[in-house]
C-alpha atoms as a PDB file:
ATOM      1  CA  UNK A   1       0.137  -0.175   0.154  1.00  0.00           C
ATOM      2  CA  UNK A   2       1.406   3.301  -0.806  1.00  0.00           C
ATOM      3  CA  UNK A   3       1.189   5.733   1.717  1.00  0.00           C
ATOM      4  CA  UNK A   4       1.986   8.873  -0.144  1.00  0.00           C
ATOM      5  CA  UNK A   5      -0.887  11.296  -0.455  1.00  0.00           C
ATOM      6  CA  UNK A   6       0.231  12.900  -3.799  1.00  0.00           C
ATOM      7  CA  UNK A   7       0.495   9.593  -5.805  1.00  0.00           C
ATOM      8  CA  UNK A   8      -2.648   8.310  -4.078  1.00  0.00           C
ATOM      9  CA  UNK A   9      -4.504  11.076  -4.815  1.00  0.00           C
ATOM     10  CA  UNK A  10      -3.663  11.279  -8.657  1.00  0.00           C
ATOM     11  CA  UNK A  11      -3.986   7.469  -8.964  1.00  0.00           C
ATOM     12  CA  UNK A  12      -7.396   7.508  -7.503  1.00  0.00           C
ATOM     13  CA  UNK A  13      -8.268  10.549  -9.670  1.00  0.00           C
ATOM     14  CA  UNK A  14      -7.092   8.406 -13.097  1.00  0.00           C
ATOM     15  CA  UNK A  15      -9.202   5.275 -11.543  1.00  0.00           C
ATOM     16  CA  UNK A  16     -12.438   7.328 -11.113  1.00  0.00           C
ATOM     17  CA  UNK A  17     -11.645   9.539 -14.813  1.00  0.00           C
ATOM     18  CA  UNK A  18     -11.221   5.737 -16.357  1.00  0.00           C
ATOM     19  CA  UNK A  19     -14.954   4.532 -14.684  1.00  0.00           C
ATOM     20  CA  UNK A  20     -16.443   7.790 -15.658  1.00  0.00           C
ATOM     21  CA  UNK A  21     -15.397   7.006 -19.482  1.00  0.00           C
ATOM     22  CA  UNK A  22     -16.192   3.323 -19.217  1.00  0.00           C
ATOM     23  CA  UNK A  23     -19.783   4.360 -18.044  1.00  0.00           C
ATOM     24  CA  UNK A  24     -20.182   6.931 -20.871  1.00  0.00           C
ATOM     25  CA  UNK A  25     -18.894   4.385 -23.322  1.00  0.00           C
ATOM     26  CA  UNK A  26     -21.463   1.665 -22.169  1.00  0.00           C
ATOM     27  CA  UNK A  27     -24.178   4.389 -22.047  1.00  0.00           C
ATOM     28  CA  UNK A  28     -23.338   5.055 -25.762  1.00  0.00           C
ATOM     29  CA  UNK A  29     -23.603   1.402 -26.420  1.00  0.00           C
ATOM     30  CA  UNK A  30     -26.799   0.570 -24.924  1.00  0.00           C
ATOM     31  CA  UNK A  31     -28.159   3.615 -26.855  1.00  0.00           C
ATOM     32  CA  UNK A  32     -27.078   2.066 -30.170  1.00  0.00           C
ATOM     33  CA  UNK A  33     -28.654  -1.386 -29.033  1.00  0.00           C
ATOM     34  CA  UNK A  34     -32.068   0.264 -28.032  1.00  0.00           C
ATOM     35  CA  UNK A  35     -32.296   1.902 -31.686  1.00  0.00           C
ATOM     36  CA  UNK A  36     -31.207  -0.991 -33.379  1.00  0.00           C
ATOM     37  CA  UNK A  37     -33.842  -3.433 -31.412  1.00  0.00           C
ATOM     38  CA  UNK A  38     -36.436  -0.872 -31.863  1.00  0.00           C
ATOM     39  CA  UNK A  39     -35.899  -1.193 -35.537  1.00  0.00           C
ATOM     40  CA  UNK A  40     -35.919  -4.519 -35.874  1.00  0.00           C
ATOM     41  CA  UNK A  41     -39.189  -4.876 -33.637  1.00  0.00           C
ATOM     42  CA  UNK A  42     -41.065  -2.205 -36.111  1.00  0.00           C
ATOM     43  CA  UNK A  43     -39.591  -3.880 -39.164  1.00  0.00           C
ATOM     44  CA  UNK A  44     -41.215  -7.433 -37.870  1.00  0.00           C
ATOM     45  CA  UNK A  45     -44.082  -5.451 -36.478  1.00  0.00           C
ATOM     46  CA  UNK A  46     -45.231  -4.019 -39.514  1.00  0.00           C
ATOM     47  CA  UNK A  47     -44.306  -6.890 -42.244  1.00  0.00           C
ATOM     48  CA  UNK A  48     -45.246  -6.167 -45.504  1.00  0.00           C
ATOM     49  CA  UNK A  49     -48.738  -5.457 -45.451  1.00  0.00           C
ATOM     50  CA  UNK A  50     -48.665  -3.399 -48.366  1.00  0.00           C
ATOM     51  CA  UNK A  51     -51.573  -5.263 -50.626  1.00  0.00           C
ATOM     52  CA  UNK A  52     -52.023  -4.990 -54.254  1.00  0.00           C
ATOM     53  CA  UNK A  53     -54.786  -6.221 -56.245  1.00  0.00           C
ATOM     54  CA  UNK A  54     -54.024  -9.613 -57.426  1.00  0.00           C
ATOM     55  CA  UNK A  55     -51.441 -10.739 -54.578  1.00  0.00           C
ATOM     56  CA  UNK A  56     -52.118 -14.343 -52.989  1.00  0.00           C
ATOM     57  CA  UNK A  57     -52.582 -14.363 -48.807  1.00  0.00           C
ATOM     58  CA  UNK A  58     -53.384 -16.441 -46.461  1.00  0.00           C
ATOM     59  CA  UNK A  59     -56.119 -15.498 -43.846  1.00  0.00           C
ATOM     60  CA  UNK A  60     -55.068 -16.070 -40.000  1.00  0.00           C
ATOM     61  CA  UNK A  61     -58.060 -18.061 -38.113  1.00  0.00           C
ATOM     62  CA  UNK A  62     -58.171 -16.380 -34.441  1.00  0.00           C
ATOM     63  CA  UNK A  63     -60.976 -18.327 -33.261  1.00  0.00           C
ATOM     64  CA  UNK A  64     -59.831 -19.187 -30.005  1.00  0.00           C
ATOM     65  CA  UNK A  65     -60.247 -23.254 -29.388  1.00  0.00           C
ATOM     66  CA  UNK A  66     -59.457 -25.396 -26.533  1.00  0.00           C
ATOM     67  CA  UNK A  67     -57.728 -28.141 -28.463  1.00  0.00           C
ATOM     68  CA  UNK A  68     -57.132 -27.091 -32.129  1.00  0.00           C
ATOM     69  CA  UNK A  69     -55.256 -30.605 -33.371  1.00  0.00           C
ATOM     70  CA  UNK A  70     -51.492 -30.657 -33.422  1.00  0.00           C
ATOM     71  CA  UNK A  71     -51.278 -30.859 -37.078  1.00  0.00           C
ATOM     72  CA  UNK A  72     -53.941 -28.222 -37.777  1.00  0.00           C
ATOM     73  CA  UNK A  73     -52.752 -25.100 -39.751  1.00  0.00           C
ATOM     74  CA  UNK A  74     -54.082 -22.190 -38.126  1.00  0.00           C
ATOM     75  CA  UNK A  75     -53.931 -20.378 -41.539  1.00  0.00           C
ATOM     76  CA  UNK A  76     -56.448 -20.574 -43.949  1.00  0.00           C
ATOM     77  CA  UNK A  77     -56.387 -19.970 -47.588  1.00  0.00           C
ATOM     78  CA  UNK A  78     -54.835 -19.172 -50.712  1.00  0.00           C
ATOM     79  CA  UNK A  79     -57.048 -16.466 -50.838  1.00  0.00           C
ATOM     80  CA  UNK A  80     -56.696 -13.763 -53.913  1.00  0.00           C
ATOM     81  CA  UNK A  81     -56.948  -9.904 -53.003  1.00  0.00           C
ATOM     82  CA  UNK A  82     -60.001  -8.074 -54.732  1.00  0.00           C
ATOM     83  CA  UNK A  83     -60.059  -4.415 -53.769  1.00  0.00           C
ATOM     84  CA  UNK A  84     -57.736  -2.923 -51.114  1.00  0.00           C
ATOM     85  CA  UNK A  85     -59.744  -0.269 -48.867  1.00  0.00           C
ATOM     86  CA  UNK A  86     -57.909   2.933 -46.710  1.00  0.00           C
ATOM     87  CA  UNK A  87     -57.334   1.930 -43.374  1.00  0.00           C
ATOM     88  CA  UNK A  88     -55.867  -1.674 -44.042  1.00  0.00           C
ATOM     89  CA  UNK A  89     -59.195  -3.100 -44.983  1.00  0.00           C
ATOM     90  CA  UNK A  90     -58.843  -5.910 -48.014  1.00  0.00           C
ATOM     91  CA  UNK A  91     -61.750  -7.801 -49.660  1.00  0.00           C
ATOM     92  CA  UNK A  92     -60.450 -11.017 -50.780  1.00  0.00           C
ATOM     93  CA  UNK A  93     -61.769 -14.129 -53.078  1.00  0.00           C
ATOM     94  CA  UNK A  94     -61.249 -17.652 -52.465  1.00  0.00           C
ATOM     95  CA  UNK A  95     -61.048 -20.061 -55.430  1.00  0.00           C
ATOM     96  CA  UNK A  96     -64.875 -20.503 -56.133  1.00  0.00           C
ATOM     97  CA  UNK A  97     -64.845 -16.455 -56.378  1.00  0.00           C
ATOM     98  CA  UNK A  98     -67.016 -16.149 -52.993  1.00  0.00           C
ATOM     99  CA  UNK A  99     -65.637 -12.825 -51.623  1.00  0.00           C
ATOM    100  CA  UNK A 100     -65.475 -11.004 -48.020  1.00  0.00           C
ATOM    101  CA  UNK A 101     -63.707  -8.262 -46.386  1.00  0.00           C
ATOM    102  CA  UNK A 102     -60.858  -8.672 -43.541  1.00  0.00           C
ATOM    103  CA  UNK A 103     -58.641  -6.545 -41.736  1.00  0.00           C
ATOM    104  CA  UNK A 104     -55.581  -6.543 -43.338  1.00  0.00           C
ATOM    105  CA  UNK A 105     -53.504  -6.016 -39.789  1.00  0.00           C
ATOM    106  CA  UNK A 106     -52.422  -9.275 -38.554  1.00  0.00           C
ATOM    107  CA  UNK A 107     -55.231 -11.410 -39.802  1.00  0.00           C
ATOM    108  CA  UNK A 108     -53.981 -11.606 -43.439  1.00  0.00           C
ATOM    109  CA  UNK A 109     -50.036 -12.513 -44.618  1.00  0.00           C
ATOM    110  CA  UNK A 110     -48.592 -12.390 -47.883  1.00  0.00           C
ATOM    111  CA  UNK A 111     -47.676 -15.849 -49.419  1.00  0.00           C
ATOM    112  CA  UNK A 112     -45.001 -16.438 -51.184  1.00  0.00           C
ATOM    113  CA  UNK A 113     -45.038 -18.690 -53.869  1.00  0.00           C
ATOM    114  CA  UNK A 114     -47.279 -21.550 -52.204  1.00  0.00           C
ATOM    115  CA  UNK A 115     -50.333 -19.147 -52.690  1.00  0.00           C
ATOM    116  CA  UNK A 116     -49.991 -18.101 -56.269  1.00  0.00           C
ATOM    117  CA  UNK A 117     -49.469 -21.928 -57.250  1.00  0.00           C
ATOM    118  CA  UNK A 118     -52.717 -22.565 -55.635  1.00  0.00           C
ATOM    119  CA  UNK A 119     -54.942 -20.049 -57.587  1.00  0.00           C
END
């Protein structure tokens, strides 16, 4: 242990200064991390929800069932987008030509290749 007050004071000052720099560095990195996670969350939340007429989509079955079945899919379809209304409402039609409206937010998902093969 060093009993010289001047050197001990300088050493303690440098240690506190390094601690403050480390704290500032951690704060900057946490700010960057929060921005990246927010961007990722927003991207997943919005998804690809810009529908156009003729797009192939799947409809999510949101009815609560106690035992829906192990291999039963919660998605029905494929459907074809007939008309797009403001505020996310979409008119879709099935293979038989029966059409109905559905909200486009979370209930409809664009299907990549499978739906276009079936329609």
